[in-house]
């Protein structure tokens, strides 16, 4: 006979900007209880960048979460009820931007030594999550390879570009 453990996700309101601090303190407390031989009932602690002021706990009941968070300075209280998985699912899967960029898109570099410069994508390397770009603000063509996470798309390439045509087709009218 198999036994299934049902858990729910509970939200805890925290001081804005202190979500990671609360998660670390609660995690440390639970780890200490585990070393003392007491089995912690909280299975997971989740901090979402998109949800400022909240920390999410996976536990079998609200009492387990309440016991885990009691006495912390930055905890404001628990949100009544539990959170449906479908409500936070969209925040859990980070979509890679590499599938969203194309050759000849104009981008702005938002991190690194070329921050603030505009460039045109010359080559996309999906396996490495990198793009090679030609800087538009430089007096000469300067190819630079940057991570896809450090760019922002400014404008899309025209859909009738030659890179979108199948092999053997002609660009001429």
C-alpha atoms as a PDB file:
ATOM      1  CA  UNK A   1       0.000   0.000   0.000  1.00  0.00           C
ATOM      2  CA  UNK A   2       1.558   3.297  -1.075  1.00  0.00           C
ATOM      3  CA  UNK A   3       1.260   6.391   1.033  1.00  0.00           C
ATOM      4  CA  UNK A   4       1.009   9.797  -0.602  1.00  0.00           C
ATOM      5  CA  UNK A   5       1.858  12.981   1.209  1.00  0.00           C
ATOM      6  CA  UNK A   6      -0.314  15.890   0.203  1.00  0.00           C
ATOM      7  CA  UNK A   7       1.183  19.324   0.507  1.00  0.00           C
ATOM      8  CA  UNK A   8      -0.100  22.752  -0.250  1.00  0.00           C
ATOM      9  CA  UNK A   9       1.532  26.057  -1.010  1.00  0.00           C
ATOM     10  CA  UNK A  10       1.096  28.839   1.533  1.00  0.00           C
ATOM     11  CA  UNK A  11       2.009  32.494   1.069  1.00  0.00           C
ATOM     12  CA  UNK A  12       3.647  34.550   3.802  1.00  0.00           C
ATOM     13  CA  UNK A  13       3.691  38.360   3.627  1.00  0.00           C
ATOM     14  CA  UNK A  14       7.103  39.863   4.366  1.00  0.00           C
ATOM     15  CA  UNK A  15       8.754  43.254   4.431  1.00  0.00           C
ATOM     16  CA  UNK A  16       9.484  44.281   0.820  1.00  0.00           C
ATOM     17  CA  UNK A  17      13.012  43.414  -0.204  1.00  0.00           C
ATOM     18  CA  UNK A  18      13.506  40.985   2.705  1.00  0.00           C
ATOM     19  CA  UNK A  19      12.099  37.876   1.014  1.00  0.00           C
ATOM     20  CA  UNK A  20      15.452  36.108   0.637  1.00  0.00           C
ATOM     21  CA  UNK A  21      16.412  36.982   4.214  1.00  0.00           C
ATOM     22  CA  UNK A  22      13.208  35.434   5.558  1.00  0.00           C
ATOM     23  CA  UNK A  23      13.656  32.352   3.370  1.00  0.00           C
ATOM     24  CA  UNK A  24      17.254  31.904   4.559  1.00  0.00           C
ATOM     25  CA  UNK A  25      16.377  32.324   8.248  1.00  0.00           C
ATOM     26  CA  UNK A  26      13.452  29.903   8.038  1.00  0.00           C
ATOM     27  CA  UNK A  27      15.590  27.433   6.069  1.00  0.00           C
ATOM     28  CA  UNK A  28      18.339  27.644   8.689  1.00  0.00           C
ATOM     29  CA  UNK A  29      15.796  27.075  11.479  1.00  0.00           C
ATOM     30  CA  UNK A  30      14.358  24.050   9.687  1.00  0.00           C
ATOM     31  CA  UNK A  31      17.844  22.647   9.070  1.00  0.00           C
ATOM     32  CA  UNK A  32      18.684  23.047  12.768  1.00  0.00           C
ATOM     33  CA  UNK A  33      15.481  21.209  13.740  1.00  0.00           C
ATOM     34  CA  UNK A  34      16.377  18.437  11.296  1.00  0.00           C
ATOM     35  CA  UNK A  35      19.819  18.048  12.913  1.00  0.00           C
ATOM     36  CA  UNK A  36      18.142  17.823  16.323  1.00  0.00           C
ATOM     37  CA  UNK A  37      16.162  14.833  15.056  1.00  0.00           C
ATOM     38  CA  UNK A  38      12.869  16.642  14.536  1.00  0.00           C
ATOM     39  CA  UNK A  39      11.481  16.150  11.041  1.00  0.00           C
ATOM     40  CA  UNK A  40      10.574  19.529   9.527  1.00  0.00           C
ATOM     41  CA  UNK A  41       7.160  19.582   7.886  1.00  0.00           C
ATOM     42  CA  UNK A  42       8.030  22.336   5.402  1.00  0.00           C
ATOM     43  CA  UNK A  43       9.230  20.661   2.205  1.00  0.00           C
ATOM     44  CA  UNK A  44      10.185  23.742   0.177  1.00  0.00           C
ATOM     45  CA  UNK A  45      10.662  27.492   0.454  1.00  0.00           C
ATOM     46  CA  UNK A  46      10.196  29.572  -2.685  1.00  0.00           C
ATOM     47  CA  UNK A  47      11.087  33.215  -3.353  1.00  0.00           C
ATOM     48  CA  UNK A  48       9.804  34.582  -6.656  1.00  0.00           C
ATOM     49  CA  UNK A  49      11.442  37.681  -8.128  1.00  0.00           C
ATOM     50  CA  UNK A  50       8.106  38.693  -9.653  1.00  0.00           C
ATOM     51  CA  UNK A  51       6.263  38.567  -6.302  1.00  0.00           C
ATOM     52  CA  UNK A  52       7.825  41.185  -4.061  1.00  0.00           C
ATOM     53  CA  UNK A  53       6.844  40.985  -0.402  1.00  0.00           C
ATOM     54  CA  UNK A  54       5.903  37.290  -0.419  1.00  0.00           C
ATOM     55  CA  UNK A  55       7.625  33.997   0.381  1.00  0.00           C
ATOM     56  CA  UNK A  56       5.918  30.727  -0.537  1.00  0.00           C
ATOM     57  CA  UNK A  57       6.109  27.569   1.587  1.00  0.00           C
ATOM     58  CA  UNK A  58       5.202  24.033   0.628  1.00  0.00           C
ATOM     59  CA  UNK A  59       3.833  22.211   3.666  1.00  0.00           C
ATOM     60  CA  UNK A  60       1.021  19.814   4.595  1.00  0.00           C
ATOM     61  CA  UNK A  61      -0.853  22.438   6.633  1.00  0.00           C
ATOM     62  CA  UNK A  62      -0.838  26.094   7.691  1.00  0.00           C
ATOM     63  CA  UNK A  63       0.241  25.227  11.251  1.00  0.00           C
ATOM     64  CA  UNK A  64       3.568  23.849   9.987  1.00  0.00           C
ATOM     65  CA  UNK A  65       4.259  27.131   8.168  1.00  0.00           C
ATOM     66  CA  UNK A  66       3.118  29.210  11.145  1.00  0.00           C
ATOM     67  CA  UNK A  67       5.512  27.321  13.441  1.00  0.00           C
ATOM     68  CA  UNK A  68       8.377  27.767  10.960  1.00  0.00           C
ATOM     69  CA  UNK A  69       7.952  31.549  10.553  1.00  0.00           C
ATOM     70  CA  UNK A  70       7.105  32.516  14.125  1.00  0.00           C
ATOM     71  CA  UNK A  71       9.364  35.106  15.700  1.00  0.00           C
ATOM     72  CA  UNK A  72      11.032  36.528  12.586  1.00  0.00           C
ATOM     73  CA  UNK A  73      11.392  40.282  12.347  1.00  0.00           C
ATOM     74  CA  UNK A  74      10.471  40.726   8.674  1.00  0.00           C
ATOM     75  CA  UNK A  75       7.439  38.415   8.628  1.00  0.00           C
ATOM     76  CA  UNK A  76       4.163  40.365   8.463  1.00  0.00           C
ATOM     77  CA  UNK A  77       1.873  37.325   8.588  1.00  0.00           C
ATOM     78  CA  UNK A  78       0.355  34.513   6.593  1.00  0.00           C
ATOM     79  CA  UNK A  79      -2.072  35.007   3.743  1.00  0.00           C
ATOM     80  CA  UNK A  80      -5.287  33.134   4.645  1.00  0.00           C
ATOM     81  CA  UNK A  81      -5.855  29.902   2.734  1.00  0.00           C
ATOM     82  CA  UNK A  82      -3.472  28.237   0.363  1.00  0.00           C
ATOM     83  CA  UNK A  83      -2.224  29.052  -3.120  1.00  0.00           C
ATOM     84  CA  UNK A  84      -3.136  26.959  -6.150  1.00  0.00           C
ATOM     85  CA  UNK A  85      -0.118  25.625  -8.013  1.00  0.00           C
ATOM     86  CA  UNK A  86      -1.538  27.053 -11.240  1.00  0.00           C
ATOM     87  CA  UNK A  87      -1.322  30.568  -9.733  1.00  0.00           C
ATOM     88  CA  UNK A  88       2.469  30.446  -9.402  1.00  0.00           C
ATOM     89  CA  UNK A  89       3.256  28.009 -12.223  1.00  0.00           C
ATOM     90  CA  UNK A  90       3.769  30.834 -14.723  1.00  0.00           C
ATOM     91  CA  UNK A  91       6.552  32.255 -12.533  1.00  0.00           C
ATOM     92  CA  UNK A  92       8.421  28.965 -12.170  1.00  0.00           C
ATOM     93  CA  UNK A  93       9.354  28.261 -15.780  1.00  0.00           C
ATOM     94  CA  UNK A  94      11.746  30.809 -17.136  1.00  0.00           C
ATOM     95  CA  UNK A  95      11.390  31.097 -20.877  1.00  0.00           C
ATOM     96  CA  UNK A  96      14.712  31.348 -22.620  1.00  0.00           C
ATOM     97  CA  UNK A  97      14.971  34.521 -24.648  1.00  0.00           C
ATOM     98  CA  UNK A  98      17.210  32.776 -27.182  1.00  0.00           C
ATOM     99  CA  UNK A  99      14.153  31.443 -29.033  1.00  0.00           C
ATOM    100  CA  UNK A 100      12.797  34.983 -29.225  1.00  0.00           C
ATOM    101  CA  UNK A 101      15.730  36.630 -31.031  1.00  0.00           C
ATOM    102  CA  UNK A 102      16.493  36.539 -34.749  1.00  0.00           C
ATOM    103  CA  UNK A 103      19.301  37.591 -37.048  1.00  0.00           C
ATOM    104  CA  UNK A 104      19.079  41.321 -37.961  1.00  0.00           C
ATOM    105  CA  UNK A 105      17.015  42.241 -34.867  1.00  0.00           C
ATOM    106  CA  UNK A 106      18.181  45.532 -33.371  1.00  0.00           C
ATOM    107  CA  UNK A 107      18.973  45.171 -29.689  1.00  0.00           C
ATOM    108  CA  UNK A 108      20.290  47.249 -26.814  1.00  0.00           C
ATOM    109  CA  UNK A 109      22.972  45.797 -24.570  1.00  0.00           C
ATOM    110  CA  UNK A 110      21.804  46.172 -20.959  1.00  0.00           C
ATOM    111  CA  UNK A 111      24.814  44.743 -19.100  1.00  0.00           C
ATOM    112  CA  UNK A 112      28.566  44.519 -19.411  1.00  0.00           C
ATOM    113  CA  UNK A 113      31.183  46.854 -20.889  1.00  0.00           C
ATOM    114  CA  UNK A 114      28.981  47.779 -23.870  1.00  0.00           C
ATOM    115  CA  UNK A 115      25.955  48.629 -21.731  1.00  0.00           C
ATOM    116  CA  UNK A 116      23.631  51.137 -23.399  1.00  0.00           C
ATOM    117  CA  UNK A 117      24.947  50.527 -26.913  1.00  0.00           C
ATOM    118  CA  UNK A 118      22.693  49.449 -29.768  1.00  0.00           C
ATOM    119  CA  UNK A 119      23.630  46.587 -32.038  1.00  0.00           C
ATOM    120  CA  UNK A 120      22.284  44.355 -34.803  1.00  0.00           C
ATOM    121  CA  UNK A 121      22.268  40.582 -34.276  1.00  0.00           C
ATOM    122  CA  UNK A 122      24.654  38.890 -36.686  1.00  0.00           C
ATOM    123  CA  UNK A 123      24.537  35.284 -35.399  1.00  0.00           C
ATOM    124  CA  UNK A 124      22.470  33.361 -32.823  1.00  0.00           C
ATOM    125  CA  UNK A 125      24.058  30.496 -30.884  1.00  0.00           C
ATOM    126  CA  UNK A 126      21.182  28.700 -29.079  1.00  0.00           C
ATOM    127  CA  UNK A 127      23.362  25.993 -27.511  1.00  0.00           C
ATOM    128  CA  UNK A 128      25.424  28.590 -25.664  1.00  0.00           C
ATOM    129  CA  UNK A 129      22.607  31.145 -25.162  1.00  0.00           C
ATOM    130  CA  UNK A 130      24.743  33.775 -26.851  1.00  0.00           C
ATOM    131  CA  UNK A 131      24.374  36.136 -29.774  1.00  0.00           C
ATOM    132  CA  UNK A 132      27.052  37.767 -31.873  1.00  0.00           C
ATOM    133  CA  UNK A 133      26.194  41.374 -32.625  1.00  0.00           C
ATOM    134  CA  UNK A 134      27.610  44.222 -34.695  1.00  0.00           C
ATOM    135  CA  UNK A 135      27.716  47.447 -32.682  1.00  0.00           C
ATOM    136  CA  UNK A 136      25.829  50.251 -34.420  1.00  0.00           C
ATOM    137  CA  UNK A 137      27.302  53.009 -32.249  1.00  0.00           C
ATOM    138  CA  UNK A 138      30.919  52.125 -33.122  1.00  0.00           C
ATOM    139  CA  UNK A 139      32.681  54.011 -35.949  1.00  0.00           C
ATOM    140  CA  UNK A 140      33.592  50.668 -37.560  1.00  0.00           C
ATOM    141  CA  UNK A 141      31.996  47.202 -37.556  1.00  0.00           C
ATOM    142  CA  UNK A 142      32.879  45.553 -34.280  1.00  0.00           C
ATOM    143  CA  UNK A 143      31.481  42.052 -33.699  1.00  0.00           C
ATOM    144  CA  UNK A 144      30.840  41.261 -30.039  1.00  0.00           C
ATOM    145  CA  UNK A 145      29.469  38.084 -28.471  1.00  0.00           C
ATOM    146  CA  UNK A 146      27.085  38.689 -25.553  1.00  0.00           C
ATOM    147  CA  UNK A 147      24.838  36.498 -23.418  1.00  0.00           C
ATOM    148  CA  UNK A 148      21.185  36.606 -24.401  1.00  0.00           C
ATOM    149  CA  UNK A 149      20.266  37.657 -20.852  1.00  0.00           C
ATOM    150  CA  UNK A 150      22.136  40.921 -21.227  1.00  0.00           C
ATOM    151  CA  UNK A 151      20.245  42.220 -24.254  1.00  0.00           C
ATOM    152  CA  UNK A 152      16.892  43.879 -24.837  1.00  0.00           C
ATOM    153  CA  UNK A 153      15.169  43.779 -28.217  1.00  0.00           C
ATOM    154  CA  UNK A 154      14.578  47.272 -29.609  1.00  0.00           C
ATOM    155  CA  UNK A 155      13.101  46.361 -33.004  1.00  0.00           C
ATOM    156  CA  UNK A 156      12.479  43.177 -34.923  1.00  0.00           C
ATOM    157  CA  UNK A 157      13.994  42.359 -38.301  1.00  0.00           C
ATOM    158  CA  UNK A 158      11.723  42.459 -41.341  1.00  0.00           C
ATOM    159  CA  UNK A 159       9.972  39.103 -41.821  1.00  0.00           C
ATOM    160  CA  UNK A 160      10.985  39.049 -45.505  1.00  0.00           C
ATOM    161  CA  UNK A 161      14.699  38.945 -44.717  1.00  0.00           C
ATOM    162  CA  UNK A 162      16.886  36.503 -46.615  1.00  0.00           C
ATOM    163  CA  UNK A 163      17.612  34.501 -43.447  1.00  0.00           C
ATOM    164  CA  UNK A 164      13.998  33.369 -43.250  1.00  0.00           C
ATOM    165  CA  UNK A 165      13.879  31.896 -46.762  1.00  0.00           C
ATOM    166  CA  UNK A 166      14.277  28.158 -47.180  1.00  0.00           C
ATOM    167  CA  UNK A 167      17.466  26.918 -48.866  1.00  0.00           C
ATOM    168  CA  UNK A 168      17.341  27.146 -52.652  1.00  0.00           C
ATOM    169  CA  UNK A 169      14.801  29.949 -52.762  1.00  0.00           C
ATOM    170  CA  UNK A 170      15.563  33.303 -54.279  1.00  0.00           C
ATOM    171  CA  UNK A 171      15.439  36.744 -52.683  1.00  0.00           C
ATOM    172  CA  UNK A 172      14.739  38.373 -56.036  1.00  0.00           C
ATOM    173  CA  UNK A 173      11.176  39.263 -57.153  1.00  0.00           C
END
